[in-house]
Protein backbone atom coordinates (compact mmCIF):
# COMPACT_ATOMS: atom_id res chain seq x y z
CA MET A 1 121.83 123.71 81.57
CA LYS A 2 123.81 120.72 80.25
CA ALA A 3 124.73 119.59 83.77
CA ALA A 4 121.10 119.93 84.84
CA MET A 5 119.89 117.72 82.00
CA ILE A 6 122.53 115.09 82.79
CA ALA A 7 121.49 115.09 86.46
CA VAL A 8 117.82 114.62 85.53
CA ILE A 9 118.72 111.69 83.27
CA VAL A 10 120.95 110.08 85.94
CA TRP A 11 118.22 110.33 88.61
CA THR A 12 115.61 108.95 86.20
CA ILE A 13 117.82 105.94 85.52
CA ARG A 14 118.37 105.40 89.25
CA ILE A 15 114.64 105.57 90.02
CA PHE A 16 113.87 103.26 87.08
CA SER A 17 116.45 100.73 88.31
CA VAL A 18 114.86 100.51 91.75
CA GLY A 19 111.30 100.39 90.35
CA SER A 20 112.04 97.71 87.78
CA THR A 21 113.84 95.57 90.34
CA LEU A 22 110.85 95.78 92.68
CA LEU A 23 108.38 94.91 89.94
CA ALA A 24 110.48 92.05 88.61
CA SER A 25 110.85 90.60 92.11
CA THR A 26 107.05 90.47 92.53
CA GLY A 27 106.64 88.60 89.25
CA ALA A 28 104.36 91.34 87.89
CA ALA A 29 106.35 91.96 84.70
CA ARG A 30 105.22 88.90 82.77
CA ALA A 31 104.09 90.34 79.45
CA THR A 32 106.57 90.55 76.60
CA GLU A 33 104.89 93.17 74.41
CA LEU A 34 105.44 96.79 75.37
CA PRO A 35 102.72 99.42 74.98
CA SER A 36 103.13 102.02 72.23
CA PRO A 37 104.95 105.27 73.01
CA GLU A 38 102.69 108.28 73.58
CA VAL A 39 102.97 112.05 73.14
CA ARG A 40 101.17 114.23 75.72
CA VAL A 41 100.06 117.87 75.74
CA THR A 42 99.32 119.19 79.24
CA ALA A 43 97.42 122.11 80.78
CA GLY A 44 96.41 122.87 84.37
CA TYR A 45 97.56 124.84 87.37
CA SER A 46 100.33 124.82 89.97
CA GLU A 47 100.91 126.54 93.27
CA PHE A 48 104.44 127.05 94.53
CA PHE A 49 103.38 128.05 98.02
CA LEU A 50 99.96 127.47 99.56
CA ASP A 51 99.48 131.18 100.35
CA GLU A 52 100.06 132.28 96.73
CA PRO A 53 97.59 132.32 93.84
CA PRO A 54 97.76 129.39 91.40
CA PHE A 55 99.73 129.66 88.16
CA PHE A 56 98.73 128.44 84.72
CA THR A 57 100.68 125.34 83.67
CA ALA A 58 101.29 124.10 80.12
CA GLY A 59 103.69 121.56 78.71
CA GLY A 60 104.35 118.37 76.87
CA SER A 61 105.99 115.01 77.33
CA LEU A 62 106.85 111.75 75.65
CA ARG A 63 105.90 108.48 77.37
CA ALA A 64 108.42 105.78 76.42
CA PRO A 65 107.60 102.29 77.82
CA VAL A 66 110.64 100.33 78.98
CA ALA A 67 108.75 97.44 80.61
CA PRO A 68 105.09 96.34 80.50
CA ARG A 69 104.18 98.56 83.49
CA ILE A 70 107.08 101.04 83.60
CA VAL A 71 107.40 104.19 81.52
CA ILE A 72 110.14 106.81 81.30
CA GLU A 73 108.55 110.22 80.67
CA PRO A 74 110.74 113.27 80.06
CA GLU A 75 108.62 116.42 80.34
CA LEU A 76 108.98 120.13 79.63
CA ALA A 77 106.48 122.47 81.30
CA TRP A 78 105.96 126.20 81.71
CA MET A 79 104.20 127.66 84.72
CA GLY A 80 103.54 131.32 85.26
CA GLY A 81 101.45 134.43 85.52
CA SER A 82 101.65 138.09 86.60
CA GLY A 83 105.36 138.58 85.93
CA TYR A 84 106.51 135.27 87.37
CA SER A 85 107.44 132.26 85.24
CA VAL A 86 109.02 128.86 85.70
CA TRP A 87 110.40 126.42 83.14
CA ALA A 88 110.49 122.85 84.43
CA LEU A 89 112.42 119.97 82.88
CA SER A 90 111.69 116.64 84.54
CA GLY A 91 112.69 113.03 84.13
CA ASN A 92 109.70 111.07 85.41
CA VAL A 93 109.28 107.38 86.02
CA VAL A 94 105.69 106.14 85.74
CA VAL A 95 104.51 102.83 87.21
CA ASP A 96 101.08 101.50 86.19
CA LEU A 97 99.26 100.11 89.22
CA SER A 98 97.14 97.68 87.24
CA TYR A 99 98.68 94.80 85.30
CA ARG A 100 96.03 94.70 82.56
CA CYS A 101 94.37 98.02 81.76
CA SER A 102 91.41 97.96 79.45
CA ARG A 103 89.92 101.47 79.59
CA ALA A 104 91.31 103.24 82.69
CA CYS A 105 94.53 102.60 84.54
CA PRO A 106 95.80 104.30 87.73
CA TYR A 107 99.52 105.11 87.90
CA LEU A 108 102.20 106.61 90.13
CA ILE A 109 104.57 109.24 88.74
CA ALA A 110 107.77 110.57 90.33
CA GLY A 111 111.00 112.18 89.33
CA PRO A 112 113.56 114.95 89.73
CA VAL A 113 112.74 118.36 88.26
CA TRP A 114 115.10 121.13 87.18
CA LEU A 115 113.37 124.51 87.66
CA ARG A 116 114.35 127.87 86.15
CA GLU A 117 112.38 130.61 87.92
CA THR A 118 112.24 134.23 86.71
CA GLU A 119 110.41 137.17 88.26
CA ARG A 120 109.84 140.28 86.13
CA GLY A 121 113.42 140.20 84.92
CA ILE A 122 114.59 141.05 88.46
CA TYR A 123 116.11 137.68 89.17
CA THR A 124 116.50 134.22 87.72
CA VAL A 125 117.31 131.17 89.81
CA ASN A 126 117.89 127.51 88.91
CA HIS A 127 117.39 124.61 91.29
CA PHE A 128 116.41 120.94 91.57
CA VAL A 129 113.32 119.62 93.30
CA PHE A 130 111.50 116.29 93.46
CA GLN A 131 107.83 115.73 92.64
CA ALA A 132 105.59 112.69 92.95
CA GLY A 133 101.92 112.02 92.38
CA VAL A 134 99.11 109.90 91.02
CA GLY A 135 97.07 109.92 87.85
CA TRP A 136 94.68 107.99 85.63
CA ARG A 137 95.35 106.96 82.05
CA VAL A 138 91.95 106.82 80.32
CA LYS A 139 91.52 105.52 76.77
CA LEU A 140 89.02 107.62 74.86
CA ASP A 141 89.73 105.94 71.55
CA ARG A 142 92.26 103.47 70.19
CA ASN A 143 94.93 106.20 69.90
CA VAL A 144 93.57 109.08 72.07
CA LEU A 145 94.09 109.13 75.83
CA LEU A 146 93.21 111.45 78.70
CA TYR A 147 95.39 111.87 81.82
CA PRO A 148 94.03 113.63 84.91
CA GLU A 149 97.01 114.00 87.28
CA PHE A 150 97.87 115.33 90.74
CA ARG A 151 101.44 115.94 91.98
CA LEU A 152 103.09 117.25 95.10
CA GLY A 153 106.66 118.38 95.64
CA LEU A 154 108.83 121.39 96.30
CA GLY A 155 108.07 122.78 92.85
CA ALA A 156 104.33 122.16 93.09
CA LEU A 157 102.07 122.50 96.12
CA PRO A 158 99.96 121.08 94.42
CA ARG A 159 100.10 120.62 90.64
CA VAL A 160 96.82 119.58 89.04
CA THR A 161 96.79 118.97 85.29
CA LEU A 162 94.82 117.35 82.52
CA SER A 163 96.72 115.95 79.54
CA VAL A 164 95.63 114.68 76.16
CA GLY A 165 97.84 111.97 74.71
CA TRP A 166 98.24 110.31 71.35
CA SER A 167 99.51 106.78 70.98
CA LEU A 168 102.22 106.60 68.33
CA PRO A 169 102.14 103.81 65.75
CA ARG A 170 104.42 100.84 66.27
CA HIS A 171 106.76 99.69 63.51
């Protein structure tokens, strides 16, 4: 478990390094003030194989801005149903596609995921996968946000979720 968490963190840092270098080279990262951190609660569904029924998905994450358009988002999610369950720990990097977002902002999300799959107590297996996708960050209020999101990857074919987020106060 400890090695898995370290690997997720290392891959998140690597992805962030490449993304921030690309954004800085285009001159897009001009603003000095970072957005507020956000806490998200997520629900939706995932399919692990296209010929299987979808599984309920629930989880939470913390969005921590590190640059005006780049966010590091560690996430813990549970997916399961009918005797099968998966815990997923991911280290996502989020890149906003719009420089100035007023009400709605499209974004890309990608990152490594550590999965722990269990079926009816018969077996448990741990492995790493990679997921990537797109989403919209929609401001409903000054501090309340909505995130429809779609991801693909070895641990989700597809993963469709809707999250509610709360912007944390800045000190």
